[in-house]
Amino acid sequence: MQTKSVFKFIGLLLVFTFLFSACAKDEDEPEEETPGTVTPPPAKFAWTINGGAEVVANETFFVPAYNNIYGTKTGGKNIDILLEDLSKGTHNIAPSNGITLEYTDGGTTYSCKSGSVVITENTGLLVSGNFHSVYTSAGSSNTIIGTFSSIPKK
């Protein structure tokens, strides 16, 4: 009788071995690729006055709640742009309508009376564009030309 038990055990062992080896393991599915974090180019806000040396801001940002674009340079130089909105396109400076570009140099602020700001890109998180404007100081006209790219939202 013991021989029968051994044969039954071996038979059951063979059946289990066959059943488990017959089921092939599913191949691992490749993991879904997650898009890499895209690093935007560094923000830049720069301007020139009357074609002089380029001034590059140390800090720059835009505030969508106020439609404001701002760049400041150490030493008290800054440009503060206030628009009717931050949509792509040309925005004409019109202080009487609240669309302004102000340039501050040290303790003196100059309000531009004419010119335009062009928004070339607004992703909601970054704004890019350029501007051209004129202000008067000591009876003479001064031209400010500048660009801003990848300005972050604040």
N, C-alpha and C. Protein backbone atom coordinates (compact mmCIF):
# COMPACT_ATOMS: atom_id res chain seq x y z
N MET A 1 0.79 -1.19 0.00
CA MET A 1 0.00 0.00 0.00
C MET A 1 0.84 1.26 0.00
N GLN A 2 1.95 1.19 0.58
CA GLN A 2 2.78 2.35 0.65
C GLN A 2 3.27 2.76 -0.73
N THR A 3 3.46 1.82 -1.59
CA THR A 3 3.89 2.11 -2.94
C THR A 3 2.79 2.87 -3.67
N LYS A 4 1.56 2.53 -3.45
CA LYS A 4 0.44 3.23 -4.06
C LYS A 4 0.42 4.68 -3.62
N SER A 5 0.67 4.93 -2.37
CA SER A 5 0.67 6.30 -1.84
C SER A 5 1.80 7.11 -2.47
N VAL A 6 2.93 6.48 -2.66
CA VAL A 6 4.05 7.19 -3.27
C VAL A 6 3.70 7.55 -4.71
N PHE A 7 3.09 6.59 -5.45
CA PHE A 7 2.68 6.87 -6.83
C PHE A 7 1.62 7.97 -6.90
N LYS A 8 0.67 7.97 -5.96
CA LYS A 8 -0.35 9.02 -5.93
C LYS A 8 0.30 10.38 -5.66
N PHE A 9 1.25 10.38 -4.71
CA PHE A 9 1.93 11.63 -4.38
C PHE A 9 2.71 12.15 -5.58
N ILE A 10 3.42 11.26 -6.24
CA ILE A 10 4.21 11.66 -7.42
C ILE A 10 3.27 12.12 -8.53
N GLY A 11 2.13 11.43 -8.68
CA GLY A 11 1.15 11.82 -9.70
C GLY A 11 0.59 13.21 -9.43
N LEU A 12 0.22 13.45 -8.18
CA LEU A 12 -0.29 14.77 -7.82
C LEU A 12 0.78 15.85 -8.01
N LEU A 13 1.99 15.53 -7.65
CA LEU A 13 3.09 16.46 -7.83
C LEU A 13 3.29 16.80 -9.30
N LEU A 14 3.20 15.79 -10.17
CA LEU A 14 3.32 16.02 -11.61
C LEU A 14 2.16 16.87 -12.14
N VAL A 15 0.96 16.61 -11.65
CA VAL A 15 -0.20 17.39 -12.10
C VAL A 15 -0.02 18.86 -11.70
N PHE A 16 0.35 19.12 -10.43
CA PHE A 16 0.56 20.50 -9.99
C PHE A 16 1.70 21.18 -10.76
N THR A 17 2.76 20.42 -11.01
CA THR A 17 3.89 20.98 -11.75
C THR A 17 3.45 21.36 -13.16
N PHE A 18 2.66 20.49 -13.79
CA PHE A 18 2.17 20.78 -15.14
C PHE A 18 1.25 21.99 -15.14
N LEU A 19 0.34 22.05 -14.17
CA LEU A 19 -0.60 23.18 -14.12
C LEU A 19 0.12 24.51 -13.92
N PHE A 20 1.06 24.56 -13.01
CA PHE A 20 1.76 25.83 -12.75
C PHE A 20 2.73 26.21 -13.86
N SER A 21 3.30 25.22 -14.52
CA SER A 21 4.22 25.57 -15.61
C SER A 21 3.46 25.89 -16.89
N ALA A 22 2.23 25.45 -17.02
CA ALA A 22 1.44 25.72 -18.21
C ALA A 22 0.96 27.17 -18.24
N CYS A 23 0.81 27.78 -17.11
CA CYS A 23 0.37 29.17 -17.06
C CYS A 23 1.59 30.06 -17.21
N ALA A 24 1.67 30.70 -18.35
CA ALA A 24 2.80 31.60 -18.57
C ALA A 24 2.54 32.92 -17.89
N LYS A 25 3.58 33.48 -17.36
CA LYS A 25 3.47 34.77 -16.70
C LYS A 25 3.31 35.85 -17.77
N ASP A 26 2.36 36.77 -17.53
CA ASP A 26 2.19 37.88 -18.47
C ASP A 26 3.46 38.71 -18.50
N GLU A 27 3.79 39.20 -19.70
CA GLU A 27 4.95 40.07 -19.81
C GLU A 27 4.64 41.38 -19.11
N ASP A 28 5.67 41.94 -18.51
CA ASP A 28 5.49 43.23 -17.86
C ASP A 28 5.19 44.27 -18.92
N GLU A 29 4.13 45.02 -18.65
CA GLU A 29 3.80 46.10 -19.58
C GLU A 29 4.73 47.27 -19.31
N PRO A 30 5.17 47.93 -20.36
CA PRO A 30 6.05 49.08 -20.14
C PRO A 30 5.29 50.17 -19.39
N GLU A 31 6.01 50.83 -18.51
CA GLU A 31 5.39 51.91 -17.76
C GLU A 31 5.09 53.06 -18.70
N GLU A 32 3.96 53.72 -18.40
CA GLU A 32 3.62 54.87 -19.21
C GLU A 32 4.67 55.94 -19.00
N GLU A 33 5.08 56.54 -20.11
CA GLU A 33 6.07 57.60 -20.00
C GLU A 33 5.39 58.87 -19.52
N THR A 34 5.96 59.45 -18.52
CA THR A 34 5.43 60.73 -18.06
C THR A 34 6.27 61.82 -18.70
N PRO A 35 5.59 62.83 -19.18
CA PRO A 35 6.38 63.89 -19.83
C PRO A 35 7.32 64.53 -18.82
N GLY A 36 8.51 64.80 -19.27
CA GLY A 36 9.50 65.44 -18.40
C GLY A 36 9.09 66.87 -18.11
N THR A 37 9.56 67.36 -17.03
CA THR A 37 9.28 68.74 -16.69
C THR A 37 10.05 69.63 -17.66
N VAL A 38 9.33 70.48 -18.32
CA VAL A 38 9.94 71.39 -19.28
C VAL A 38 10.37 72.64 -18.52
N THR A 39 11.64 72.92 -18.59
CA THR A 39 12.16 74.10 -17.92
C THR A 39 12.09 75.28 -18.89
N PRO A 40 11.35 76.32 -18.52
CA PRO A 40 11.26 77.46 -19.42
C PRO A 40 12.59 78.19 -19.48
N PRO A 41 12.80 78.92 -20.55
CA PRO A 41 14.03 79.71 -20.61
C PRO A 41 14.02 80.74 -19.49
N PRO A 42 15.19 81.22 -19.10
CA PRO A 42 15.22 82.19 -18.00
C PRO A 42 14.51 83.48 -18.39
N ALA A 43 13.87 84.08 -17.40
CA ALA A 43 13.17 85.35 -17.63
C ALA A 43 14.18 86.45 -17.93
N LYS A 44 13.78 87.34 -18.83
CA LYS A 44 14.64 88.49 -19.13
C LYS A 44 13.76 89.70 -19.40
N PHE A 45 14.14 90.81 -18.82
CA PHE A 45 13.47 92.09 -19.03
C PHE A 45 14.61 93.09 -19.22
N ALA A 46 14.69 93.69 -20.39
CA ALA A 46 15.80 94.60 -20.70
C ALA A 46 15.28 95.80 -21.48
N TRP A 47 15.99 96.93 -21.34
CA TRP A 47 15.59 98.14 -22.07
C TRP A 47 16.81 99.01 -22.33
N THR A 48 16.63 99.92 -23.28
CA THR A 48 17.64 100.94 -23.56
C THR A 48 16.94 102.30 -23.58
N ILE A 49 17.67 103.34 -23.24
CA ILE A 49 17.16 104.71 -23.29
C ILE A 49 17.96 105.43 -24.36
N ASN A 50 17.25 105.95 -25.35
CA ASN A 50 17.89 106.70 -26.45
C ASN A 50 19.03 105.91 -27.10
N GLY A 51 18.87 104.60 -27.20
CA GLY A 51 19.88 103.76 -27.85
C GLY A 51 21.14 103.53 -27.04
N GLY A 52 21.12 103.87 -25.76
CA GLY A 52 22.30 103.70 -24.90
C GLY A 52 22.53 102.26 -24.50
N ALA A 53 23.26 102.08 -23.44
CA ALA A 53 23.59 100.74 -22.94
C ALA A 53 22.33 100.01 -22.49
N GLU A 54 22.31 98.72 -22.75
CA GLU A 54 21.17 97.91 -22.34
C GLU A 54 21.17 97.74 -20.82
N VAL A 55 20.00 97.92 -20.23
CA VAL A 55 19.81 97.70 -18.79
C VAL A 55 19.01 96.40 -18.67
N VAL A 56 19.53 95.45 -17.90
CA VAL A 56 18.85 94.17 -17.70
C VAL A 56 18.35 94.11 -16.26
N ALA A 57 17.07 93.88 -16.11
CA ALA A 57 16.45 93.85 -14.78
C ALA A 57 16.97 92.68 -13.95
N ASN A 58 17.10 92.93 -12.64
CA ASN A 58 17.46 91.87 -11.69
C ASN A 58 16.24 91.04 -11.31
N GLU A 59 15.09 91.68 -11.30
CA GLU A 59 13.85 91.01 -10.94
C GLU A 59 12.76 91.44 -11.91
N THR A 60 11.94 90.48 -12.30
CA THR A 60 10.84 90.79 -13.21
C THR A 60 9.71 89.81 -12.98
N PHE A 61 8.48 90.28 -13.18
CA PHE A 61 7.30 89.45 -13.00
C PHE A 61 6.10 90.16 -13.61
N PHE A 62 4.99 89.42 -13.73
CA PHE A 62 3.74 90.06 -14.11
C PHE A 62 2.66 89.65 -13.11
N VAL A 63 1.69 90.55 -12.94
CA VAL A 63 0.60 90.33 -11.99
C VAL A 63 -0.71 90.37 -12.79
N PRO A 64 -1.30 89.20 -13.07
CA PRO A 64 -2.50 89.17 -13.90
C PRO A 64 -3.69 89.91 -13.29
N ALA A 65 -3.80 89.94 -11.98
CA ALA A 65 -4.93 90.62 -11.35
C ALA A 65 -4.95 92.11 -11.65
N TYR A 66 -3.76 92.69 -11.92
CA TYR A 66 -3.67 94.12 -12.19
C TYR A 66 -3.19 94.42 -13.62
N ASN A 67 -3.02 93.37 -14.45
CA ASN A 67 -2.53 93.55 -15.83
C ASN A 67 -1.22 94.34 -15.85
N ASN A 68 -0.34 93.98 -14.95
CA ASN A 68 0.89 94.72 -14.71
C ASN A 68 2.12 93.88 -15.06
N ILE A 69 3.10 94.49 -15.74
CA ILE A 69 4.38 93.86 -16.05
C ILE A 69 5.45 94.75 -15.44
N TYR A 70 6.40 94.14 -14.72
CA TYR A 70 7.34 94.93 -13.94
C TYR A 70 8.75 94.37 -14.06
N GLY A 71 9.72 95.28 -14.21
CA GLY A 71 11.13 94.91 -14.21
C GLY A 71 11.90 95.93 -13.40
N THR A 72 12.79 95.47 -12.53
CA THR A 72 13.57 96.39 -11.69
C THR A 72 15.04 96.03 -11.72
N LYS A 73 15.86 97.04 -11.68
CA LYS A 73 17.31 96.90 -11.67
C LYS A 73 17.84 97.54 -10.40
N THR A 74 18.83 96.91 -9.78
CA THR A 74 19.48 97.46 -8.60
C THR A 74 19.91 98.90 -8.89
N GLY A 75 19.74 99.76 -7.94
CA GLY A 75 20.11 101.16 -8.12
C GLY A 75 18.92 102.05 -8.38
N GLY A 76 17.71 101.50 -8.25
CA GLY A 76 16.51 102.33 -8.37
C GLY A 76 15.97 102.52 -9.77
N LYS A 77 16.37 101.69 -10.72
CA LYS A 77 15.82 101.78 -12.08
C LYS A 77 14.75 100.71 -12.22
N ASN A 78 13.60 101.11 -12.75
CA ASN A 78 12.57 100.11 -13.02
C ASN A 78 11.61 100.61 -14.08
N ILE A 79 10.90 99.67 -14.64
CA ILE A 79 9.84 99.97 -15.59
C ILE A 79 8.59 99.25 -15.10
N ASP A 80 7.51 100.00 -15.06
CA ASP A 80 6.22 99.48 -14.59
C ASP A 80 5.21 99.72 -15.71
N ILE A 81 4.69 98.62 -16.27
CA ILE A 81 3.73 98.70 -17.38
C ILE A 81 2.37 98.26 -16.86
N LEU A 82 1.35 99.06 -17.11
CA LEU A 82 -0.02 98.74 -16.72
C LEU A 82 -0.88 98.77 -17.97
N LEU A 83 -1.51 97.62 -18.28
CA LEU A 83 -2.32 97.50 -19.50
C LEU A 83 -3.78 97.26 -19.15
N GLU A 84 -4.63 97.31 -20.18
CA GLU A 84 -6.05 97.02 -19.98
C GLU A 84 -6.28 95.52 -19.78
N ASP A 85 -5.42 94.69 -20.36
CA ASP A 85 -5.40 93.25 -20.17
C ASP A 85 -4.05 92.75 -20.66
N LEU A 86 -3.79 91.47 -20.49
CA LEU A 86 -2.50 90.91 -20.90
C LEU A 86 -2.66 89.98 -22.10
N SER A 87 -3.63 90.29 -22.95
CA SER A 87 -3.85 89.46 -24.13
C SER A 87 -2.78 89.71 -25.19
N LYS A 88 -2.57 88.70 -26.05
CA LYS A 88 -1.61 88.86 -27.14
C LYS A 88 -2.06 89.98 -28.05
N GLY A 89 -1.08 90.73 -28.54
CA GLY A 89 -1.39 91.82 -29.46
C GLY A 89 -0.76 93.12 -29.02
N THR A 90 -1.09 94.18 -29.74
CA THR A 90 -0.53 95.50 -29.48
C THR A 90 -1.43 96.29 -28.54
N HIS A 91 -0.83 96.89 -27.54
CA HIS A 91 -1.53 97.73 -26.56
C HIS A 91 -0.91 99.12 -26.64
N ASN A 92 -1.69 100.09 -27.06
CA ASN A 92 -1.19 101.45 -27.19
C ASN A 92 -1.23 102.17 -25.84
N ILE A 93 -0.14 102.83 -25.53
CA ILE A 93 -0.05 103.57 -24.27
C ILE A 93 -0.97 104.78 -24.35
N ALA A 94 -1.85 104.88 -23.39
CA ALA A 94 -2.82 105.97 -23.33
C ALA A 94 -3.10 106.26 -21.86
N PRO A 95 -2.30 107.12 -21.23
CA PRO A 95 -2.49 107.40 -19.81
C PRO A 95 -3.92 107.81 -19.45
N SER A 96 -4.61 108.51 -20.35
CA SER A 96 -5.99 108.91 -20.07
C SER A 96 -6.92 107.70 -19.94
N ASN A 97 -6.51 106.56 -20.50
CA ASN A 97 -7.30 105.32 -20.40
C ASN A 97 -6.72 104.35 -19.37
N GLY A 98 -5.70 104.79 -18.65
CA GLY A 98 -5.10 103.92 -17.63
C GLY A 98 -4.07 102.95 -18.17
N ILE A 99 -3.68 103.09 -19.44
CA ILE A 99 -2.67 102.22 -20.03
C ILE A 99 -1.36 103.00 -19.98
N THR A 100 -0.47 102.59 -19.07
CA THR A 100 0.70 103.40 -18.80
C THR A 100 2.01 102.60 -18.85
N LEU A 101 3.08 103.34 -19.07
CA LEU A 101 4.43 102.82 -18.93
C LEU A 101 5.20 103.88 -18.17
N GLU A 102 5.68 103.52 -16.99
CA GLU A 102 6.43 104.46 -16.16
C GLU A 102 7.85 103.95 -15.99
N TYR A 103 8.80 104.87 -16.15
CA TYR A 103 10.21 104.56 -15.99
C TYR A 103 10.71 105.33 -14.78
N THR A 104 11.35 104.63 -13.86
CA THR A 104 11.92 105.27 -12.67
C THR A 104 13.43 105.11 -12.72
N ASP A 105 14.11 106.23 -12.48
CA ASP A 105 15.57 106.25 -12.42
C ASP A 105 15.95 106.94 -11.13
N GLY A 106 16.40 106.16 -10.16
CA GLY A 106 16.66 106.73 -8.82
C GLY A 106 15.36 107.12 -8.17
N GLY A 107 15.23 108.38 -7.81
CA GLY A 107 14.01 108.84 -7.17
C GLY A 107 13.05 109.53 -8.12
N THR A 108 13.36 109.58 -9.41
CA THR A 108 12.50 110.30 -10.36
C THR A 108 11.75 109.31 -11.25
N THR A 109 10.43 109.52 -11.35
CA THR A 109 9.59 108.67 -12.19
C THR A 109 9.13 109.48 -13.39
N TYR A 110 9.26 108.88 -14.57
CA TYR A 110 8.84 109.51 -15.82
C TYR A 110 7.68 108.71 -16.39
N SER A 111 6.61 109.42 -16.74
CA SER A 111 5.44 108.78 -17.33
C SER A 111 5.49 108.95 -18.84
N CYS A 112 5.42 107.84 -19.54
CA CYS A 112 5.42 107.90 -21.00
C CYS A 112 4.05 108.34 -21.49
N LYS A 113 4.06 109.19 -22.50
CA LYS A 113 2.81 109.75 -23.03
C LYS A 113 2.32 109.00 -24.26
N SER A 114 3.22 108.28 -24.93
CA SER A 114 2.84 107.56 -26.14
C SER A 114 3.72 106.33 -26.29
N GLY A 115 3.34 105.49 -27.23
CA GLY A 115 4.10 104.28 -27.50
C GLY A 115 3.19 103.07 -27.52
N SER A 116 3.82 101.90 -27.48
CA SER A 116 3.03 100.66 -27.50
C SER A 116 3.78 99.54 -26.79
N VAL A 117 2.99 98.59 -26.33
CA VAL A 117 3.50 97.36 -25.72
C VAL A 117 2.89 96.23 -26.53
N VAL A 118 3.72 95.31 -26.99
CA VAL A 118 3.24 94.18 -27.78
C VAL A 118 3.45 92.91 -26.97
N ILE A 119 2.37 92.22 -26.67
CA ILE A 119 2.44 90.92 -26.00
C ILE A 119 2.50 89.87 -27.12
N THR A 120 3.60 89.16 -27.19
CA THR A 120 3.75 88.13 -28.23
C THR A 120 3.36 86.75 -27.73
N GLU A 121 3.38 86.56 -26.40
CA GLU A 121 3.01 85.27 -25.83
C GLU A 121 2.51 85.46 -24.41
N ASN A 122 1.43 84.75 -24.08
CA ASN A 122 0.94 84.72 -22.72
C ASN A 122 0.38 83.32 -22.47
N THR A 123 1.13 82.52 -21.72
CA THR A 123 0.71 81.15 -21.44
C THR A 123 -0.14 81.07 -20.18
N GLY A 124 -0.30 82.18 -19.49
CA GLY A 124 -0.98 82.19 -18.20
C GLY A 124 0.03 82.12 -17.06
N LEU A 125 1.20 81.54 -17.34
CA LEU A 125 2.27 81.46 -16.36
C LEU A 125 3.48 82.29 -16.76
N LEU A 126 3.63 82.52 -18.08
CA LEU A 126 4.77 83.29 -18.60
C LEU A 126 4.26 84.28 -19.64
N VAL A 127 4.87 85.46 -19.67
CA VAL A 127 4.50 86.49 -20.65
C VAL A 127 5.77 86.96 -21.36
N SER A 128 5.67 87.18 -22.68
CA SER A 128 6.78 87.70 -23.48
C SER A 128 6.27 88.80 -24.39
N GLY A 129 7.18 89.71 -24.77
CA GLY A 129 6.81 90.77 -25.69
C GLY A 129 7.87 91.84 -25.79
N ASN A 130 7.46 93.03 -26.22
CA ASN A 130 8.38 94.15 -26.36
C ASN A 130 7.62 95.46 -26.19
N PHE A 131 8.37 96.55 -26.08
CA PHE A 131 7.73 97.86 -25.93
C PHE A 131 8.60 98.94 -26.53
N HIS A 132 7.93 100.03 -26.87
CA HIS A 132 8.59 101.21 -27.44
C HIS A 132 7.78 102.39 -26.94
N SER A 133 8.44 103.35 -26.28
CA SER A 133 7.70 104.45 -25.70
C SER A 133 8.57 105.70 -25.61
N VAL A 134 7.92 106.84 -25.36
CA VAL A 134 8.62 108.12 -25.27
C VAL A 134 8.17 108.84 -24.00
N TYR A 135 9.14 109.41 -23.29
CA TYR A 135 8.84 110.27 -22.14
C TYR A 135 9.66 111.55 -22.28
N THR A 136 9.23 112.58 -21.57
CA THR A 136 9.90 113.87 -21.63
C THR A 136 10.62 114.12 -20.31
N SER A 137 11.87 114.60 -20.44
CA SER A 137 12.67 114.95 -19.27
C SER A 137 13.47 116.20 -19.60
N ALA A 138 13.35 117.21 -18.77
CA ALA A 138 14.07 118.48 -18.95
C ALA A 138 13.84 119.05 -20.34
N GLY A 139 12.62 118.94 -20.80
CA GLY A 139 12.25 119.51 -22.09
C GLY A 139 12.64 118.70 -23.32
N SER A 140 13.28 117.56 -23.14
CA SER A 140 13.64 116.75 -24.31
C SER A 140 12.95 115.40 -24.27
N SER A 141 12.69 114.86 -25.45
CA SER A 141 12.05 113.55 -25.57
C SER A 141 13.09 112.45 -25.45
N ASN A 142 12.73 111.42 -24.75
CA ASN A 142 13.60 110.26 -24.56
C ASN A 142 12.85 109.00 -24.97
N THR A 143 13.52 108.13 -25.71
CA THR A 143 12.89 106.91 -26.21
C THR A 143 13.35 105.72 -25.38
N ILE A 144 12.38 104.93 -24.95
CA ILE A 144 12.66 103.67 -24.24
C ILE A 144 12.23 102.53 -25.17
N ILE A 145 13.15 101.64 -25.45
CA ILE A 145 12.84 100.44 -26.24
C ILE A 145 13.25 99.24 -25.40
N GLY A 146 12.38 98.25 -25.31
CA GLY A 146 12.72 97.10 -24.48
C GLY A 146 12.03 95.82 -24.89
N THR A 147 12.49 94.75 -24.29
CA THR A 147 11.90 93.43 -24.51
C THR A 147 11.75 92.73 -23.17
N PHE A 148 10.83 91.79 -23.13
CA PHE A 148 10.67 90.94 -21.96
C PHE A 148 10.31 89.55 -22.47
N SER A 149 10.91 88.54 -21.88
CA SER A 149 10.63 87.18 -22.32
C SER A 149 10.56 86.24 -21.12
N SER A 150 9.60 85.34 -21.19
CA SER A 150 9.38 84.34 -20.14
C SER A 150 9.26 84.95 -18.75
N ILE A 151 8.57 86.08 -18.68
CA ILE A 151 8.35 86.76 -17.40
C ILE A 151 7.37 85.91 -16.59
N PRO A 152 7.73 85.52 -15.36
CA PRO A 152 6.86 84.66 -14.57
C PRO A 152 5.72 85.41 -13.90
N LYS A 153 4.67 84.67 -13.64
CA LYS A 153 3.51 85.20 -12.92
C LYS A 153 3.84 85.32 -11.43
N LYS A 154 3.36 86.38 -10.82
CA LYS A 154 3.56 86.54 -9.38
C LYS A 154 2.22 86.55 -8.68
